[in-house]
Amino acid sequence: MTSSTTKKHTAIEAVLARLIWSGSMLSAILLAAGIVVMLTGSSVTATRFISAGIVTLMATPIIRVLAAGLIFTRERDWLFAVFCLVVLCTLAVGVFLGTSFN
């Protein structure tokens, strides 16, 4: 691996790590806000904050795979772009099957 390739991979990993960190922090903030609001007695608003936090937490890895796929496509790294597409399709099938049995 050349030095420029190593730098490129390090930059990609940094972007994806920031994305995961940001999504996790946003989720934690929403969940904490929901708990605080619940303690003040507003259960409807608390439920919305907590639901938003859980959805954010579940969406973060999906967004990470999507971002990685876009980065790999832009870099013309077709093998990893296809891997990301397969993972996204698998997640979509899982969500579809999970919601169809309710």
PDB file of N, CA and C in Angstrom:
ATOM      1  N   MET A   1       0.841  -1.177   0.000  1.00  0.00           N
ATOM      2  CA  MET A   1       0.000   0.000   0.000  1.00  0.00           C
ATOM      3  C   MET A   1       0.890   1.246   0.000  1.00  0.00           C
ATOM      4  N   THR A   2       0.576   2.186  -0.845  1.00  0.00           N
ATOM      5  CA  THR A   2       1.375   3.398  -0.909  1.00  0.00           C
ATOM      6  C   THR A   2       0.936   4.380   0.162  1.00  0.00           C
ATOM      7  N   SER A   3       1.752   5.403   0.318  1.00  0.00           N
ATOM      8  CA  SER A   3       1.456   6.409   1.342  1.00  0.00           C
ATOM      9  C   SER A   3       0.163   7.155   1.038  1.00  0.00           C
ATOM     10  N   SER A   4      -0.082   7.461  -0.239  1.00  0.00           N
ATOM     11  CA  SER A   4      -1.305   8.194  -0.598  1.00  0.00           C
ATOM     12  C   SER A   4      -2.543   7.318  -0.387  1.00  0.00           C
ATOM     13  N   THR A   5      -2.419   6.021  -0.656  1.00  0.00           N
ATOM     14  CA  THR A   5      -3.540   5.109  -0.425  1.00  0.00           C
ATOM     15  C   THR A   5      -3.848   5.004   1.057  1.00  0.00           C
ATOM     16  N   THR A   6      -2.799   4.930   1.871  1.00  0.00           N
ATOM     17  CA  THR A   6      -2.989   4.856   3.323  1.00  0.00           C
ATOM     18  C   THR A   6      -3.653   6.125   3.838  1.00  0.00           C
ATOM     19  N   LYS A   7      -3.225   7.281   3.340  1.00  0.00           N
ATOM     20  CA  LYS A   7      -3.832   8.549   3.762  1.00  0.00           C
ATOM     21  C   LYS A   7      -5.297   8.608   3.345  1.00  0.00           C
ATOM     22  N   LYS A   8      -5.591   8.109   2.134  1.00  0.00           N
ATOM     23  CA  LYS A   8      -6.970   8.126   1.644  1.00  0.00           C
ATOM     24  C   LYS A   8      -7.854   7.250   2.529  1.00  0.00           C
ATOM     25  N   HIS A   9      -7.378   6.049   2.867  1.00  0.00           N
ATOM     26  CA  HIS A   9      -8.162   5.155   3.721  1.00  0.00           C
ATOM     27  C   HIS A   9      -8.335   5.740   5.117  1.00  0.00           C
ATOM     28  N   THR A  10      -7.302   6.385   5.626  1.00  0.00           N
ATOM     29  CA  THR A  10      -7.398   7.014   6.945  1.00  0.00           C
ATOM     30  C   THR A  10      -8.437   8.128   6.925  1.00  0.00           C
ATOM     31  N   ALA A  11      -8.477   8.896   5.838  1.00  0.00           N
ATOM     32  CA  ALA A  11      -9.462   9.977   5.721  1.00  0.00           C
ATOM     33  C   ALA A  11     -10.880   9.417   5.658  1.00  0.00           C
ATOM     34  N   ILE A  12     -11.070   8.335   4.911  1.00  0.00           N
ATOM     35  CA  ILE A  12     -12.395   7.704   4.823  1.00  0.00           C
ATOM     36  C   ILE A  12     -12.827   7.187   6.183  1.00  0.00           C
ATOM     37  N   GLU A  13     -11.901   6.525   6.879  1.00  0.00           N
ATOM     38  CA  GLU A  13     -12.218   6.004   8.211  1.00  0.00           C
ATOM     39  C   GLU A  13     -12.562   7.130   9.180  1.00  0.00           C
ATOM     40  N   ALA A  14     -11.882   8.260   9.050  1.00  0.00           N
ATOM     41  CA  ALA A  14     -12.165   9.400   9.935  1.00  0.00           C
ATOM     42  C   ALA A  14     -13.562   9.951   9.675  1.00  0.00           C
ATOM     43  N   VAL A  15     -13.944  10.063   8.418  1.00  0.00           N
ATOM     44  CA  VAL A  15     -15.278  10.569   8.077  1.00  0.00           C
ATOM     45  C   VAL A  15     -16.345   9.629   8.626  1.00  0.00           C
ATOM     46  N   LEU A  16     -16.160   8.330   8.418  1.00  0.00           N
ATOM     47  CA  LEU A  16     -17.152   7.364   8.880  1.00  0.00           C
ATOM     48  C   LEU A  16     -17.206   7.298  10.401  1.00  0.00           C
ATOM     49  N   ALA A  17     -16.064   7.433  11.048  1.00  0.00           N
ATOM     50  CA  ALA A  17     -16.036   7.445  12.515  1.00  0.00           C
ATOM     51  C   ALA A  17     -16.763   8.671  13.062  1.00  0.00           C
ATOM     52  N   ARG A  18     -16.562   9.832  12.439  1.00  0.00           N
ATOM     53  CA  ARG A  18     -17.278  11.046  12.861  1.00  0.00           C
ATOM     54  C   ARG A  18     -18.778  10.893  12.669  1.00  0.00           C
ATOM     55  N   LEU A  19     -19.171  10.233  11.604  1.00  0.00           N
ATOM     56  CA  LEU A  19     -20.590  10.009  11.345  1.00  0.00           C
ATOM     57  C   LEU A  19     -21.208   9.141  12.433  1.00  0.00           C
ATOM     58  N   ILE A  20     -20.538   8.057  12.791  1.00  0.00           N
ATOM     59  CA  ILE A  20     -21.032   7.176  13.858  1.00  0.00           C
ATOM     60  C   ILE A  20     -21.072   7.927  15.189  1.00  0.00           C
ATOM     61  N   TRP A  21     -20.012   8.680  15.482  1.00  0.00           N
ATOM     62  CA  TRP A  21     -19.951   9.430  16.744  1.00  0.00           C
ATOM     63  C   TRP A  21     -21.080  10.453  16.803  1.00  0.00           C
ATOM     64  N   SER A  22     -21.275  11.196  15.718  1.00  0.00           N
ATOM     65  CA  SER A  22     -22.325  12.224  15.690  1.00  0.00           C
ATOM     66  C   SER A  22     -23.707  11.613  15.877  1.00  0.00           C
ATOM     67  N   GLY A  23     -23.979  10.516  15.178  1.00  0.00           N
ATOM     68  CA  GLY A  23     -25.278   9.864  15.317  1.00  0.00           C
ATOM     69  C   GLY A  23     -25.501   9.334  16.723  1.00  0.00           C
ATOM     70  N   SER A  24     -24.456   8.771  17.313  1.00  0.00           N
ATOM     71  CA  SER A  24     -24.567   8.254  18.678  1.00  0.00           C
ATOM     72  C   SER A  24     -24.804   9.379  19.678  1.00  0.00           C
ATOM     73  N   MET A  25     -24.092  10.482  19.522  1.00  0.00           N
ATOM     74  CA  MET A  25     -24.256  11.616  20.437  1.00  0.00           C
ATOM     75  C   MET A  25     -25.644  12.234  20.297  1.00  0.00           C
ATOM     76  N   LEU A  26     -26.108  12.390  19.049  1.00  0.00           N
ATOM     77  CA  LEU A  26     -27.452  12.940  18.843  1.00  0.00           C
ATOM     78  C   LEU A  26     -28.498  12.033  19.472  1.00  0.00           C
ATOM     79  N   SER A  27     -28.330  10.738  19.303  1.00  0.00           N
ATOM     80  CA  SER A  27     -29.254   9.787  19.911  1.00  0.00           C
ATOM     81  C   SER A  27     -29.225   9.889  21.430  1.00  0.00           C
ATOM     82  N   ALA A  28     -28.033   9.963  22.003  1.00  0.00           N
ATOM     83  CA  ALA A  28     -27.908  10.068  23.461  1.00  0.00           C
ATOM     84  C   ALA A  28     -28.555  11.346  23.981  1.00  0.00           C
ATOM     85  N   ILE A  29     -28.371  12.434  23.260  1.00  0.00           N
ATOM     86  CA  ILE A  29     -28.973  13.714  23.664  1.00  0.00           C
ATOM     87  C   ILE A  29     -30.498  13.626  23.627  1.00  0.00           C
ATOM     88  N   LEU A  30     -31.032  13.033  22.549  1.00  0.00           N
ATOM     89  CA  LEU A  30     -32.489  12.898  22.446  1.00  0.00           C
ATOM     90  C   LEU A  30     -33.047  11.987  23.544  1.00  0.00           C
ATOM     91  N   LEU A  31     -32.354  10.878  23.805  1.00  0.00           N
ATOM     92  CA  LEU A  31     -32.809   9.979  24.866  1.00  0.00           C
ATOM     93  C   LEU A  31     -32.740  10.651  26.237  1.00  0.00           C
ATOM     94  N   ALA A  32     -31.652  11.368  26.494  1.00  0.00           N
ATOM     95  CA  ALA A  32     -31.523  12.075  27.774  1.00  0.00           C
ATOM     96  C   ALA A  32     -32.599  13.151  27.907  1.00  0.00           C
ATOM     97  N   ALA A  33     -32.868  13.861  26.824  1.00  0.00           N
ATOM     98  CA  ALA A  33     -33.917  14.882  26.857  1.00  0.00           C
ATOM     99  C   ALA A  33     -35.267  14.230  27.147  1.00  0.00           C
ATOM    100  N   GLY A  34     -35.509  13.068  26.556  1.00  0.00           N
ATOM    101  CA  GLY A  34     -36.753  12.355  26.814  1.00  0.00           C
ATOM    102  C   GLY A  34     -36.894  11.949  28.265  1.00  0.00           C
ATOM    103  N   ILE A  35     -35.799  11.506  28.857  1.00  0.00           N
ATOM    104  CA  ILE A  35     -35.834  11.116  30.271  1.00  0.00           C
ATOM    105  C   ILE A  35     -36.098  12.327  31.156  1.00  0.00           C
ATOM    106  N   VAL A  36     -35.413  13.440  30.850  1.00  0.00           N
ATOM    107  CA  VAL A  36     -35.611  14.668  31.638  1.00  0.00           C
ATOM    108  C   VAL A  36     -37.051  15.148  31.515  1.00  0.00           C
ATOM    109  N   VAL A  37     -37.576  15.153  30.298  1.00  0.00           N
ATOM    110  CA  VAL A  37     -38.956  15.597  30.095  1.00  0.00           C
ATOM    111  C   VAL A  37     -39.924  14.644  30.792  1.00  0.00           C
ATOM    112  N   MET A  38     -39.610  13.358  30.786  1.00  0.00           N
ATOM    113  CA  MET A  38     -40.477  12.388  31.472  1.00  0.00           C
ATOM    114  C   MET A  38     -40.515  12.666  32.977  1.00  0.00           C
ATOM    115  N   LEU A  39     -39.377  13.024  33.544  1.00  0.00           N
ATOM    116  CA  LEU A  39     -39.323  13.329  34.968  1.00  0.00           C
ATOM    117  C   LEU A  39     -40.107  14.584  35.327  1.00  0.00           C
ATOM    118  N   THR A  40     -40.286  15.475  34.347  1.00  0.00           N
ATOM    119  CA  THR A  40     -41.066  16.684  34.600  1.00  0.00           C
ATOM    120  C   THR A  40     -42.562  16.440  34.435  1.00  0.00           C
ATOM    121  N   GLY A  41     -42.942  15.263  33.909  1.00  0.00           N
ATOM    122  CA  GLY A  41     -44.350  14.916  33.867  1.00  0.00           C
ATOM    123  C   GLY A  41     -45.013  14.968  32.506  1.00  0.00           C
ATOM    124  N   SER A  42     -44.319  15.334  31.460  1.00  0.00           N
ATOM    125  CA  SER A  42     -44.926  15.411  30.128  1.00  0.00           C
ATOM    126  C   SER A  42     -44.630  14.128  29.357  1.00  0.00           C
ATOM    127  N   SER A  43     -45.498  13.147  29.502  1.00  0.00           N
ATOM    128  CA  SER A  43     -45.217  11.830  28.922  1.00  0.00           C
ATOM    129  C   SER A  43     -45.309  11.819  27.394  1.00  0.00           C
ATOM    130  N   VAL A  44     -46.191  12.629  26.807  1.00  0.00           N
ATOM    131  CA  VAL A  44     -46.327  12.647  25.349  1.00  0.00           C
ATOM    132  C   VAL A  44     -45.057  13.188  24.706  1.00  0.00           C
ATOM    133  N   THR A  45     -44.560  14.300  25.212  1.00  0.00           N
ATOM    134  CA  THR A  45     -43.331  14.885  24.676  1.00  0.00           C
ATOM    135  C   THR A  45     -42.141  13.979  24.947  1.00  0.00           C
ATOM    136  N   ALA A  46     -42.101  13.368  26.110  1.00  0.00           N
ATOM    137  CA  ALA A  46     -41.006  12.459  26.449  1.00  0.00           C
ATOM    138  C   ALA A  46     -40.975  11.276  25.490  1.00  0.00           C
ATOM    139  N   THR A  47     -42.145  10.737  25.189  1.00  0.00           N
ATOM    140  CA  THR A  47     -42.228   9.614  24.260  1.00  0.00           C
ATOM    141  C   THR A  47     -41.697   9.997  22.887  1.00  0.00           C
ATOM    142  N   ARG A  48     -41.982  11.203  22.459  1.00  0.00           N
ATOM    143  CA  ARG A  48     -41.484  11.662  21.151  1.00  0.00           C
ATOM    144  C   ARG A  48     -39.963  11.781  21.147  1.00  0.00           C
ATOM    145  N   PHE A  49     -39.398  12.356  22.211  1.00  0.00           N
ATOM    146  CA  PHE A  49     -37.940  12.466  22.305  1.00  0.00           C
ATOM    147  C   PHE A  49     -37.288  11.081  22.333  1.00  0.00           C
ATOM    148  N   ILE A  50     -37.831  10.194  23.129  1.00  0.00           N
ATOM    149  CA  ILE A  50     -37.256   8.857  23.256  1.00  0.00           C
ATOM    150  C   ILE A  50     -37.381   8.093  21.937  1.00  0.00           C
ATOM    151  N   SER A  51     -38.521   8.210  21.283  1.00  0.00           N
ATOM    152  CA  SER A  51     -38.690   7.557  19.981  1.00  0.00           C
ATOM    153  C   SER A  51     -37.709   8.111  18.955  1.00  0.00           C
ATOM    154  N   ALA A  52     -37.531   9.426  18.957  1.00  0.00           N
ATOM    155  CA  ALA A  52     -36.577  10.041  18.028  1.00  0.00           C
ATOM    156  C   ALA A  52     -35.157   9.568  18.323  1.00  0.00           C
ATOM    157  N   GLY A  53     -34.822   9.422  19.594  1.00  0.00           N
ATOM    158  CA  GLY A  53     -33.500   8.933  19.967  1.00  0.00           C
ATOM    159  C   GLY A  53     -33.266   7.509  19.520  1.00  0.00           C
ATOM    160  N   ILE A  54     -34.270   6.664  19.658  1.00  0.00           N
ATOM    161  CA  ILE A  54     -34.140   5.264  19.243  1.00  0.00           C
ATOM    162  C   ILE A  54     -34.047   5.160  17.720  1.00  0.00           C
ATOM    163  N   VAL A  55     -34.876   5.920  17.020  1.00  0.00           N
ATOM    164  CA  VAL A  55     -34.815   5.912  15.550  1.00  0.00           C
ATOM    165  C   VAL A  55     -33.461   6.413  15.075  1.00  0.00           C
ATOM    166  N   THR A  56     -32.951   7.465  15.701  1.00  0.00           N
ATOM    167  CA  THR A  56     -31.629   7.987  15.342  1.00  0.00           C
ATOM    168  C   THR A  56     -30.549   6.944  15.582  1.00  0.00           C
ATOM    169  N   LEU A  57     -30.640   6.255  16.698  1.00  0.00           N
ATOM    170  CA  LEU A  57     -29.662   5.213  17.007  1.00  0.00           C
ATOM    171  C   LEU A  57     -29.716   4.080  15.980  1.00  0.00           C
ATOM    172  N   MET A  58     -30.912   3.694  15.566  1.00  0.00           N
ATOM    173  CA  MET A  58     -31.042   2.623  14.572  1.00  0.00           C
ATOM    174  C   MET A  58     -30.632   3.088  13.174  1.00  0.00           C
ATOM    175  N   ALA A  59     -30.855   4.359  12.855  1.00  0.00           N
ATOM    176  CA  ALA A  59     -30.536   4.866  11.520  1.00  0.00           C
ATOM    177  C   ALA A  59     -29.048   5.149  11.340  1.00  0.00           C
ATOM    178  N   THR A  60     -28.324   5.352  12.414  1.00  0.00           N
ATOM    179  CA  THR A  60     -26.910   5.732  12.319  1.00  0.00           C
ATOM    180  C   THR A  60     -26.083   4.713  11.539  1.00  0.00           C
ATOM    181  N   PRO A  61     -26.140   3.420  11.842  1.00  0.00           N
ATOM    182  CA  PRO A  61     -25.339   2.483  11.044  1.00  0.00           C
ATOM    183  C   PRO A  61     -25.788   2.391   9.588  1.00  0.00           C
ATOM    184  N   ILE A  62     -27.077   2.571   9.358  1.00  0.00           N
ATOM    185  CA  ILE A  62     -27.572   2.539   7.981  1.00  0.00           C
ATOM    186  C   ILE A  62     -27.011   3.719   7.202  1.00  0.00           C
ATOM    187  N   ILE A  63     -27.011   4.887   7.814  1.00  0.00           N
ATOM    188  CA  ILE A  63     -26.455   6.078   7.169  1.00  0.00           C
ATOM    189  C   ILE A  63     -24.955   5.912   6.952  1.00  0.00           C
ATOM    190  N   ARG A  64     -24.278   5.237   7.888  1.00  0.00           N
ATOM    191  CA  ARG A  64     -22.846   4.988   7.754  1.00  0.00           C
ATOM    192  C   ARG A  64     -22.561   4.107   6.539  1.00  0.00           C
ATOM    193  N   VAL A  65     -23.360   3.054   6.350  1.00  0.00           N
ATOM    194  CA  VAL A  65     -23.170   2.176   5.192  1.00  0.00           C
ATOM    195  C   VAL A  65     -23.471   2.932   3.901  1.00  0.00           C
ATOM    196  N   LEU A  66     -24.509   3.749   3.919  1.00  0.00           N
ATOM    197  CA  LEU A  66     -24.838   4.563   2.747  1.00  0.00           C
ATOM    198  C   LEU A  66     -23.704   5.533   2.422  1.00  0.00           C
ATOM    199  N   ALA A  67     -23.172   6.200   3.434  1.00  0.00           N
ATOM    200  CA  ALA A  67     -22.062   7.134   3.219  1.00  0.00           C
ATOM    201  C   ALA A  67     -20.828   6.402   2.695  1.00  0.00           C
ATOM    202  N   ALA A  68     -20.534   5.232   3.254  1.00  0.00           N
ATOM    203  CA  ALA A  68     -19.391   4.457   2.776  1.00  0.00           C
ATOM    204  C   ALA A  68     -19.596   4.071   1.317  1.00  0.00           C
ATOM    205  N   GLY A  69     -20.805   3.659   0.973  1.00  0.00           N
ATOM    206  CA  GLY A  69     -21.096   3.319  -0.421  1.00  0.00           C
ATOM    207  C   GLY A  69     -20.896   4.491  -1.363  1.00  0.00           C
ATOM    208  N   LEU A  70     -21.335   5.656  -0.939  1.00  0.00           N
ATOM    209  CA  LEU A  70     -21.141   6.858  -1.772  1.00  0.00           C
ATOM    210  C   LEU A  70     -19.658   7.202  -1.905  1.00  0.00           C
ATOM    211  N   ILE A  71     -18.927   7.080  -0.816  1.00  0.00           N
ATOM    212  CA  ILE A  71     -17.484   7.361  -0.864  1.00  0.00           C
ATOM    213  C   ILE A  71     -16.786   6.364  -1.791  1.00  0.00           C
ATOM    214  N   PHE A  72     -17.120   5.088  -1.656  1.00  0.00           N
ATOM    215  CA  PHE A  72     -16.486   4.080  -2.508  1.00  0.00           C
ATOM    216  C   PHE A  72     -16.868   4.267  -3.969  1.00  0.00           C
ATOM    217  N   THR A  73     -18.099   4.676  -4.228  1.00  0.00           N
ATOM    218  CA  THR A  73     -18.512   4.939  -5.607  1.00  0.00           C
ATOM    219  C   THR A  73     -17.749   6.129  -6.170  1.00  0.00           C
ATOM    220  N   ARG A  74     -17.621   7.170  -5.373  1.00  0.00           N
ATOM    221  CA  ARG A  74     -16.866   8.352  -5.827  1.00  0.00           C
ATOM    222  C   ARG A  74     -15.402   8.013  -6.089  1.00  0.00           C
ATOM    223  N   GLU A  75     -14.855   7.109  -5.288  1.00  0.00           N
ATOM    224  CA  GLU A  75     -13.462   6.686  -5.453  1.00  0.00           C
ATOM    225  C   GLU A  75     -13.314   5.611  -6.529  1.00  0.00           C
ATOM    226  N   ARG A  76     -14.417   5.195  -7.097  1.00  0.00           N
ATOM    227  CA  ARG A  76     -14.451   4.139  -8.114  1.00  0.00           C
ATOM    228  C   ARG A  76     -13.909   2.812  -7.595  1.00  0.00           C
ATOM    229  N   ASP A  77     -14.182   2.552  -6.331  1.00  0.00           N
ATOM    230  CA  ASP A  77     -13.834   1.272  -5.712  1.00  0.00           C
ATOM    231  C   ASP A  77     -15.100   0.417  -5.765  1.00  0.00           C
ATOM    232  N   TRP A  78     -15.326  -0.183  -6.934  1.00  0.00           N
ATOM    233  CA  TRP A  78     -16.599  -0.818  -7.230  1.00  0.00           C
ATOM    234  C   TRP A  78     -16.873  -2.034  -6.351  1.00  0.00           C
ATOM    235  N   LEU A  79     -15.849  -2.773  -5.984  1.00  0.00           N
ATOM    236  CA  LEU A  79     -16.057  -3.959  -5.159  1.00  0.00           C
ATOM    237  C   LEU A  79     -16.689  -3.585  -3.815  1.00  0.00           C
ATOM    238  N   PHE A  80     -16.115  -2.586  -3.137  1.00  0.00           N
ATOM    239  CA  PHE A  80     -16.664  -2.175  -1.844  1.00  0.00           C
ATOM    240  C   PHE A  80     -17.987  -1.429  -1.995  1.00  0.00           C
ATOM    241  N   ALA A  81     -18.170  -0.746  -3.111  1.00  0.00           N
ATOM    242  CA  ALA A  81     -19.460  -0.098  -3.364  1.00  0.00           C
ATOM    243  C   ALA A  81     -20.559  -1.153  -3.495  1.00  0.00           C
ATOM    244  N   VAL A  82     -20.252  -2.261  -4.158  1.00  0.00           N
ATOM    245  CA  VAL A  82     -21.228  -3.352  -4.294  1.00  0.00           C
ATOM    246  C   VAL A  82     -21.486  -4.002  -2.931  1.00  0.00           C
ATOM    247  N   PHE A  83     -20.439  -4.182  -2.129  1.00  0.00           N
ATOM    248  CA  PHE A  83     -20.633  -4.722  -0.780  1.00  0.00           C
ATOM    249  C   PHE A  83     -21.597  -3.847   0.013  1.00  0.00           C
ATOM    250  N   CYS A  84     -21.414  -2.536  -0.074  1.00  0.00           N
ATOM    251  CA  CYS A  84     -22.313  -1.608   0.643  1.00  0.00           C
ATOM    252  C   CYS A  84     -23.735  -1.734   0.123  1.00  0.00           C
ATOM    253  N   LEU A  85     -23.895  -1.870  -1.182  1.00  0.00           N
ATOM    254  CA  LEU A  85     -25.221  -2.034  -1.764  1.00  0.00           C
ATOM    255  C   LEU A  85     -25.879  -3.322  -1.269  1.00  0.00           C
ATOM    256  N   VAL A  86     -25.114  -4.398  -1.189  1.00  0.00           N
ATOM    257  CA  VAL A  86     -25.648  -5.670  -0.681  1.00  0.00           C
ATOM    258  C   VAL A  86     -26.090  -5.512   0.778  1.00  0.00           C
ATOM    259  N   VAL A  87     -25.273  -4.839   1.575  1.00  0.00           N
ATOM    260  CA  VAL A  87     -25.633  -4.624   2.983  1.00  0.00           C
ATOM    261  C   VAL A  87     -26.900  -3.777   3.086  1.00  0.00           C
ATOM    262  N   LEU A  88     -27.005  -2.719   2.291  1.00  0.00           N
ATOM    263  CA  LEU A  88     -28.207  -1.879   2.320  1.00  0.00           C
ATOM    264  C   LEU A  88     -29.442  -2.673   1.893  1.00  0.00           C
ATOM    265  N   CYS A  89     -29.309  -3.505   0.872  1.00  0.00           N
ATOM    266  CA  CYS A  89     -30.444  -4.327   0.439  1.00  0.00           C
ATOM    267  C   CYS A  89     -30.844  -5.325   1.528  1.00  0.00           C
ATOM    268  N   THR A  90     -29.850  -5.898   2.191  1.00  0.00           N
ATOM    269  CA  THR A  90     -30.136  -6.831   3.276  1.00  0.00           C
ATOM    270  C   THR A  90     -30.864  -6.129   4.418  1.00  0.00           C
ATOM    271  N   LEU A  91     -30.419  -4.933   4.757  1.00  0.00           N
ATOM    272  CA  LEU A  91     -31.093  -4.167   5.809  1.00  0.00           C
ATOM    273  C   LEU A  91     -32.516  -3.818   5.406  1.00  0.00           C
ATOM    274  N   ALA A  92     -32.707  -3.436   4.132  1.00  0.00           N
ATOM    275  CA  ALA A  92     -34.048  -3.087   3.653  1.00  0.00           C
ATOM    276  C   ALA A  92     -34.972  -4.296   3.716  1.00  0.00           C
ATOM    277  N   VAL A  93     -34.479  -5.469   3.335  1.00  0.00           N
ATOM    278  CA  VAL A  93     -35.292  -6.683   3.411  1.00  0.00           C
ATOM    279  C   VAL A  93     -35.633  -6.992   4.867  1.00  0.00           C
ATOM    280  N   GLY A  94     -34.664  -6.816   5.751  1.00  0.00           N
ATOM    281  CA  GLY A  94     -34.917  -7.055   7.176  1.00  0.00           C
ATOM    282  C   GLY A  94     -35.977  -6.122   7.728  1.00  0.00           C
ATOM    283  N   VAL A  95     -35.901  -4.860   7.363  1.00  0.00           N
ATOM    284  CA  VAL A  95     -36.910  -3.894   7.826  1.00  0.00           C
ATOM    285  C   VAL A  95     -38.272  -4.249   7.241  1.00  0.00           C
ATOM    286  N   PHE A  96     -38.295  -4.596   5.961  1.00  0.00           N
ATOM    287  CA  PHE A  96     -39.564  -4.958   5.321  1.00  0.00           C
ATOM    288  C   PHE A  96     -40.181  -6.186   5.973  1.00  0.00           C
ATOM    289  N   LEU A  97     -39.383  -7.215   6.181  1.00  0.00           N
ATOM    290  CA  LEU A  97     -39.902  -8.430   6.806  1.00  0.00           C
ATOM    291  C   LEU A  97     -40.308  -8.177   8.257  1.00  0.00           C
ATOM    292  N   GLY A  98     -39.557  -7.320   8.941  1.00  0.00           N
ATOM    293  CA  GLY A  98     -39.883  -7.008  10.326  1.00  0.00           C
ATOM    294  C   GLY A  98     -41.192  -6.259  10.472  1.00  0.00           C
ATOM    295  N   THR A  99     -41.486  -5.393   9.531  1.00  0.00           N
ATOM    296  CA  THR A  99     -42.732  -4.634   9.610  1.00  0.00           C
ATOM    297  C   THR A  99     -43.913  -5.400   9.044  1.00  0.00           C
ATOM    298  N   SER A 100     -43.672  -6.373   8.162  1.00  0.00           N
ATOM    299  CA  SER A 100     -44.798  -7.091   7.546  1.00  0.00           C
ATOM    300  C   SER A 100     -45.405  -8.132   8.480  1.00  0.00           C
ATOM    301  N   PHE A 101     -44.675  -8.531   9.519  1.00  0.00           N
ATOM    302  CA  PHE A 101     -45.197  -9.534  10.440  1.00  0.00           C
ATOM    303  C   PHE A 101     -45.899  -8.919  11.641  1.00  0.00           C
ATOM    304  N   ASN A 102     -46.050  -7.631  11.684  1.00  0.00           N
ATOM    305  CA  ASN A 102     -46.737  -6.982  12.813  1.00  0.00           C
ATOM    306  C   ASN A 102     -48.196  -6.860  12.574  1.00  0.00           C
TER     307      ASN A 102
END
